[in-house]
Structure formats: structure tokens, C-alpha cells
Amino acid sequence: MSDSGRGWTVFCNEDAANVLEAMRVGGHTELHDQVVLFLRALAIEAGAAADAGKPLPGLPMGDGRYNVDVPQLPILISYTPYPGMREFRVTDLLWLG
């Protein structure tokens, strides 16, 4: 049975989740919400690319990770695809603000 009908998910490791939480707690709720929406869109776009056998968004780092910057926001994201689990794991979330 194929999982191709099931969507892809995004999982943030502890460090990335802590950065998101720091945004929210520090009063940068709009930035937090924009990053969360970007991560959701990344899962859709990267999942569709993976399902179609196309290159994933971002710059491949050579170690399985991809780096992508969030347009118009001071954020850099590193993620790793896990096709068998249909999951992208955010390993680094750098807030350059």
C-alpha cells in the first residue's frame, strides 16, 4: 500500500523549537506565526517535490540537510528529509534578528 495520499509533516528538533518559542515569548508573535506558516508551506512544497522525484527546495549541504532562507524574514532553516516517514526535520532555525 502506498503512502502517497498522505501528506508530509514537519518536525522541529529541540533547538529549533526553542528558537520559535523565544520569538513568541519575546513578543515577536507575528514573526513566529510567519515562520510556522512558512514551515507548513515548506512541507507542502518539498513533499510534492519529493513525491514527484524532483529536487527539494533549498541548497543541498552534502550531508543530507538542505538550507533555505525565509524570504523577507531574518530566518535561515536547515532541514533533513525522511522519505520513509514522509517527514522533514528542522535541525536548525537561525534567527538573524
N, C-alpha and C. Protein backbone atom coordinates (compact mmCIF):
# COMPACT_ATOMS: atom_id res chain seq x y z
N MET A 1 0.85 -1.18 0.00
CA MET A 1 0.00 0.00 0.00
C MET A 1 0.89 1.24 0.00
N SER A 2 0.56 2.19 -0.81
CA SER A 2 1.36 3.41 -0.95
C SER A 2 0.89 4.48 0.03
N ASP A 3 1.87 5.27 0.53
CA ASP A 3 1.57 6.40 1.42
C ASP A 3 1.42 7.70 0.64
N SER A 4 1.43 7.65 -0.69
CA SER A 4 1.46 8.88 -1.47
C SER A 4 0.23 9.76 -1.26
N GLY A 5 -0.84 9.23 -0.70
CA GLY A 5 -2.02 10.04 -0.43
C GLY A 5 -1.91 10.80 0.87
N ARG A 6 -0.97 10.43 1.71
CA ARG A 6 -0.79 11.08 3.00
C ARG A 6 0.20 12.23 2.86
N GLY A 7 -0.07 13.34 3.49
CA GLY A 7 0.82 14.50 3.41
C GLY A 7 2.10 14.31 4.18
N TRP A 8 3.00 15.24 3.97
CA TRP A 8 4.28 15.27 4.67
C TRP A 8 4.14 16.15 5.91
N THR A 9 4.92 15.86 6.92
CA THR A 9 4.90 16.65 8.15
C THR A 9 6.25 17.30 8.38
N VAL A 10 6.25 18.31 9.25
CA VAL A 10 7.48 18.98 9.68
C VAL A 10 7.62 18.77 11.17
N PHE A 11 8.81 18.37 11.57
CA PHE A 11 9.13 18.19 12.98
C PHE A 11 10.32 19.10 13.29
N CYS A 12 10.22 19.90 14.32
CA CYS A 12 11.33 20.76 14.75
C CYS A 12 12.05 20.09 15.91
N ASN A 13 13.39 19.97 15.79
CA ASN A 13 14.13 19.43 16.92
C ASN A 13 14.09 20.44 18.07
N GLU A 14 14.63 20.06 19.20
CA GLU A 14 14.50 20.89 20.40
C GLU A 14 15.08 22.29 20.23
N ASP A 15 16.25 22.40 19.60
CA ASP A 15 16.86 23.73 19.42
C ASP A 15 16.00 24.62 18.53
N ALA A 16 15.50 24.08 17.42
CA ALA A 16 14.65 24.87 16.52
C ALA A 16 13.35 25.26 17.22
N ALA A 17 12.77 24.35 17.97
CA ALA A 17 11.54 24.65 18.70
C ALA A 17 11.78 25.73 19.75
N ASN A 18 12.95 25.71 20.38
CA ASN A 18 13.28 26.74 21.37
C ASN A 18 13.39 28.12 20.74
N VAL A 19 13.92 28.20 19.52
CA VAL A 19 14.00 29.48 18.83
C VAL A 19 12.59 30.00 18.53
N LEU A 20 11.73 29.11 18.04
CA LEU A 20 10.33 29.52 17.79
C LEU A 20 9.66 30.00 19.07
N GLU A 21 9.89 29.30 20.15
CA GLU A 21 9.28 29.68 21.43
C GLU A 21 9.84 31.02 21.90
N ALA A 22 11.13 31.26 21.70
CA ALA A 22 11.74 32.53 22.10
C ALA A 22 11.12 33.69 21.33
N MET A 23 10.79 33.47 20.07
CA MET A 23 10.11 34.51 19.29
C MET A 23 8.77 34.85 19.92
N ARG A 24 8.01 33.81 20.21
CA ARG A 24 6.66 34.01 20.76
C ARG A 24 6.72 34.68 22.12
N VAL A 25 7.55 34.16 23.01
CA VAL A 25 7.65 34.68 24.36
C VAL A 25 8.23 36.10 24.37
N GLY A 26 9.12 36.38 23.42
CA GLY A 26 9.75 37.69 23.35
C GLY A 26 8.89 38.75 22.70
N GLY A 27 7.64 38.42 22.39
CA GLY A 27 6.73 39.40 21.82
C GLY A 27 6.78 39.51 20.31
N HIS A 28 7.49 38.61 19.67
CA HIS A 28 7.58 38.61 18.21
C HIS A 28 6.59 37.59 17.64
N THR A 29 5.34 37.72 18.06
CA THR A 29 4.33 36.72 17.68
C THR A 29 4.06 36.72 16.18
N GLU A 30 4.12 37.88 15.54
CA GLU A 30 3.89 37.91 14.10
C GLU A 30 5.00 37.16 13.36
N LEU A 31 6.25 37.37 13.78
CA LEU A 31 7.37 36.64 13.18
C LEU A 31 7.21 35.14 13.42
N HIS A 32 6.88 34.77 14.64
CA HIS A 32 6.65 33.36 14.98
C HIS A 32 5.61 32.75 14.05
N ASP A 33 4.49 33.43 13.91
CA ASP A 33 3.40 32.91 13.08
C ASP A 33 3.81 32.81 11.61
N GLN A 34 4.58 33.78 11.13
CA GLN A 34 5.04 33.74 9.74
C GLN A 34 5.99 32.56 9.51
N VAL A 35 6.86 32.28 10.48
CA VAL A 35 7.78 31.15 10.35
C VAL A 35 7.00 29.83 10.37
N VAL A 36 6.03 29.72 11.25
CA VAL A 36 5.20 28.50 11.30
C VAL A 36 4.48 28.29 9.97
N LEU A 37 3.91 29.36 9.41
CA LEU A 37 3.25 29.24 8.10
C LEU A 37 4.24 28.85 7.01
N PHE A 38 5.45 29.40 7.08
CA PHE A 38 6.47 29.04 6.10
C PHE A 38 6.82 27.56 6.21
N LEU A 39 6.95 27.06 7.42
CA LEU A 39 7.27 25.64 7.62
C LEU A 39 6.16 24.74 7.07
N ARG A 40 4.92 25.16 7.26
CA ARG A 40 3.80 24.40 6.69
C ARG A 40 3.88 24.39 5.17
N ALA A 41 4.15 25.55 4.58
CA ALA A 41 4.26 25.64 3.12
C ALA A 41 5.46 24.84 2.62
N LEU A 42 6.55 24.85 3.39
CA LEU A 42 7.73 24.07 3.01
C LEU A 42 7.39 22.58 2.96
N ALA A 43 6.63 22.12 3.93
CA ALA A 43 6.24 20.70 3.93
C ALA A 43 5.43 20.35 2.69
N ILE A 44 4.54 21.25 2.30
CA ILE A 44 3.72 21.00 1.11
C ILE A 44 4.59 21.01 -0.15
N GLU A 45 5.41 22.06 -0.30
CA GLU A 45 6.24 22.20 -1.50
C GLU A 45 7.30 21.10 -1.59
N ALA A 46 8.02 20.89 -0.50
CA ALA A 46 9.09 19.88 -0.52
C ALA A 46 8.49 18.48 -0.63
N GLY A 47 7.36 18.26 0.02
CA GLY A 47 6.70 16.95 -0.09
C GLY A 47 6.27 16.66 -1.51
N ALA A 48 5.72 17.66 -2.19
CA ALA A 48 5.31 17.47 -3.59
C ALA A 48 6.52 17.21 -4.47
N ALA A 49 7.62 17.92 -4.21
CA ALA A 49 8.84 17.69 -4.99
C ALA A 49 9.37 16.28 -4.75
N ALA A 50 9.40 15.86 -3.49
CA ALA A 50 9.89 14.51 -3.17
C ALA A 50 9.01 13.44 -3.82
N ASP A 51 7.71 13.62 -3.76
CA ASP A 51 6.78 12.65 -4.36
C ASP A 51 6.95 12.58 -5.87
N ALA A 52 7.32 13.71 -6.49
CA ALA A 52 7.49 13.76 -7.95
C ALA A 52 8.91 13.41 -8.39
N GLY A 53 9.79 13.13 -7.42
CA GLY A 53 11.17 12.82 -7.76
C GLY A 53 11.98 14.01 -8.23
N LYS A 54 11.55 15.20 -7.82
CA LYS A 54 12.23 16.45 -8.21
C LYS A 54 13.12 16.93 -7.07
N PRO A 55 14.04 17.86 -7.37
CA PRO A 55 14.92 18.39 -6.32
C PRO A 55 14.11 19.10 -5.23
N LEU A 56 14.57 18.96 -4.00
CA LEU A 56 13.91 19.61 -2.87
C LEU A 56 14.30 21.08 -2.82
N PRO A 57 13.45 21.93 -2.25
CA PRO A 57 13.77 23.35 -2.13
C PRO A 57 15.00 23.57 -1.24
N GLY A 58 15.75 24.58 -1.55
CA GLY A 58 16.90 24.94 -0.74
C GLY A 58 18.20 24.48 -1.34
N LEU A 59 19.27 24.79 -0.63
CA LEU A 59 20.62 24.45 -1.05
C LEU A 59 21.05 23.16 -0.37
N PRO A 60 21.34 22.10 -1.14
CA PRO A 60 21.80 20.85 -0.52
C PRO A 60 23.18 21.06 0.11
N MET A 61 23.33 20.62 1.35
CA MET A 61 24.57 20.83 2.09
C MET A 61 25.56 19.68 1.97
N GLY A 62 25.17 18.59 1.31
CA GLY A 62 26.08 17.46 1.13
C GLY A 62 26.05 16.44 2.24
N ASP A 63 25.36 16.74 3.32
CA ASP A 63 25.26 15.81 4.44
C ASP A 63 23.82 15.36 4.67
N GLY A 64 22.99 15.56 3.67
CA GLY A 64 21.58 15.19 3.78
C GLY A 64 20.68 16.35 4.17
N ARG A 65 21.27 17.44 4.63
CA ARG A 65 20.49 18.62 5.01
C ARG A 65 20.35 19.57 3.83
N TYR A 66 19.30 20.38 3.91
CA TYR A 66 19.05 21.45 2.95
C TYR A 66 18.92 22.75 3.72
N ASN A 67 19.50 23.82 3.20
CA ASN A 67 19.35 25.14 3.80
C ASN A 67 18.41 25.97 2.94
N VAL A 68 17.51 26.66 3.59
CA VAL A 68 16.58 27.53 2.89
C VAL A 68 16.39 28.80 3.74
N ASP A 69 16.44 29.94 3.06
CA ASP A 69 16.16 31.18 3.80
C ASP A 69 14.70 31.55 3.58
N VAL A 70 14.14 32.16 4.60
CA VAL A 70 12.74 32.56 4.54
C VAL A 70 12.70 33.94 3.89
N PRO A 71 12.07 34.07 2.72
CA PRO A 71 12.05 35.35 2.02
C PRO A 71 11.50 36.49 2.90
N GLN A 72 12.21 37.60 2.89
CA GLN A 72 11.82 38.83 3.58
C GLN A 72 11.80 38.72 5.11
N LEU A 73 12.34 37.62 5.65
CA LEU A 73 12.44 37.47 7.10
C LEU A 73 13.88 37.10 7.46
N PRO A 74 14.34 37.49 8.65
CA PRO A 74 15.72 37.20 9.05
C PRO A 74 15.87 35.78 9.60
N ILE A 75 15.46 34.79 8.80
CA ILE A 75 15.42 33.40 9.26
C ILE A 75 16.11 32.50 8.24
N LEU A 76 16.96 31.59 8.73
CA LEU A 76 17.58 30.55 7.92
C LEU A 76 17.21 29.20 8.54
N ILE A 77 16.74 28.30 7.70
CA ILE A 77 16.28 27.00 8.17
C ILE A 77 17.11 25.90 7.52
N SER A 78 17.53 24.92 8.31
CA SER A 78 18.14 23.70 7.79
C SER A 78 17.17 22.56 8.10
N TYR A 79 16.95 21.72 7.08
CA TYR A 79 16.05 20.59 7.29
C TYR A 79 16.61 19.34 6.63
N THR A 80 16.15 18.21 7.11
CA THR A 80 16.54 16.91 6.58
C THR A 80 15.28 16.15 6.20
N PRO A 81 15.25 15.58 5.00
CA PRO A 81 14.09 14.78 4.60
C PRO A 81 14.19 13.35 5.12
N TYR A 82 13.06 12.81 5.51
CA TYR A 82 12.93 11.40 5.90
C TYR A 82 11.78 10.81 5.09
N PRO A 83 12.08 10.41 3.83
CA PRO A 83 11.01 9.97 2.92
C PRO A 83 10.19 8.79 3.44
N GLY A 84 10.83 7.84 4.11
CA GLY A 84 10.10 6.69 4.61
C GLY A 84 9.03 7.06 5.63
N MET A 85 9.28 8.14 6.36
CA MET A 85 8.33 8.62 7.37
C MET A 85 7.47 9.75 6.83
N ARG A 86 7.80 10.22 5.59
CA ARG A 86 7.12 11.37 4.99
C ARG A 86 7.19 12.57 5.93
N GLU A 87 8.42 12.84 6.36
CA GLU A 87 8.66 13.88 7.35
C GLU A 87 9.90 14.68 6.99
N PHE A 88 9.85 15.97 7.31
CA PHE A 88 11.01 16.85 7.23
C PHE A 88 11.33 17.28 8.65
N ARG A 89 12.59 17.14 9.03
CA ARG A 89 13.01 17.54 10.37
C ARG A 89 13.84 18.81 10.28
N VAL A 90 13.39 19.82 10.98
CA VAL A 90 14.11 21.08 11.04
C VAL A 90 15.21 20.90 12.09
N THR A 91 16.45 20.91 11.62
CA THR A 91 17.58 20.70 12.51
C THR A 91 18.12 22.01 13.07
N ASP A 92 18.01 23.07 12.28
CA ASP A 92 18.49 24.39 12.72
C ASP A 92 17.50 25.45 12.26
N LEU A 93 17.24 26.38 13.14
CA LEU A 93 16.42 27.54 12.82
C LEU A 93 17.18 28.74 13.36
N LEU A 94 17.80 29.48 12.45
CA LEU A 94 18.61 30.63 12.87
C LEU A 94 17.82 31.91 12.69
N TRP A 95 17.70 32.63 13.78
CA TRP A 95 17.01 33.93 13.78
C TRP A 95 18.10 34.99 13.77
N LEU A 96 18.22 35.69 12.69
CA LEU A 96 19.30 36.64 12.50
C LEU A 96 18.91 38.06 12.90
N GLY A 97 17.97 38.17 13.83
CA GLY A 97 17.47 39.49 14.22
C GLY A 97 18.03 39.97 15.43
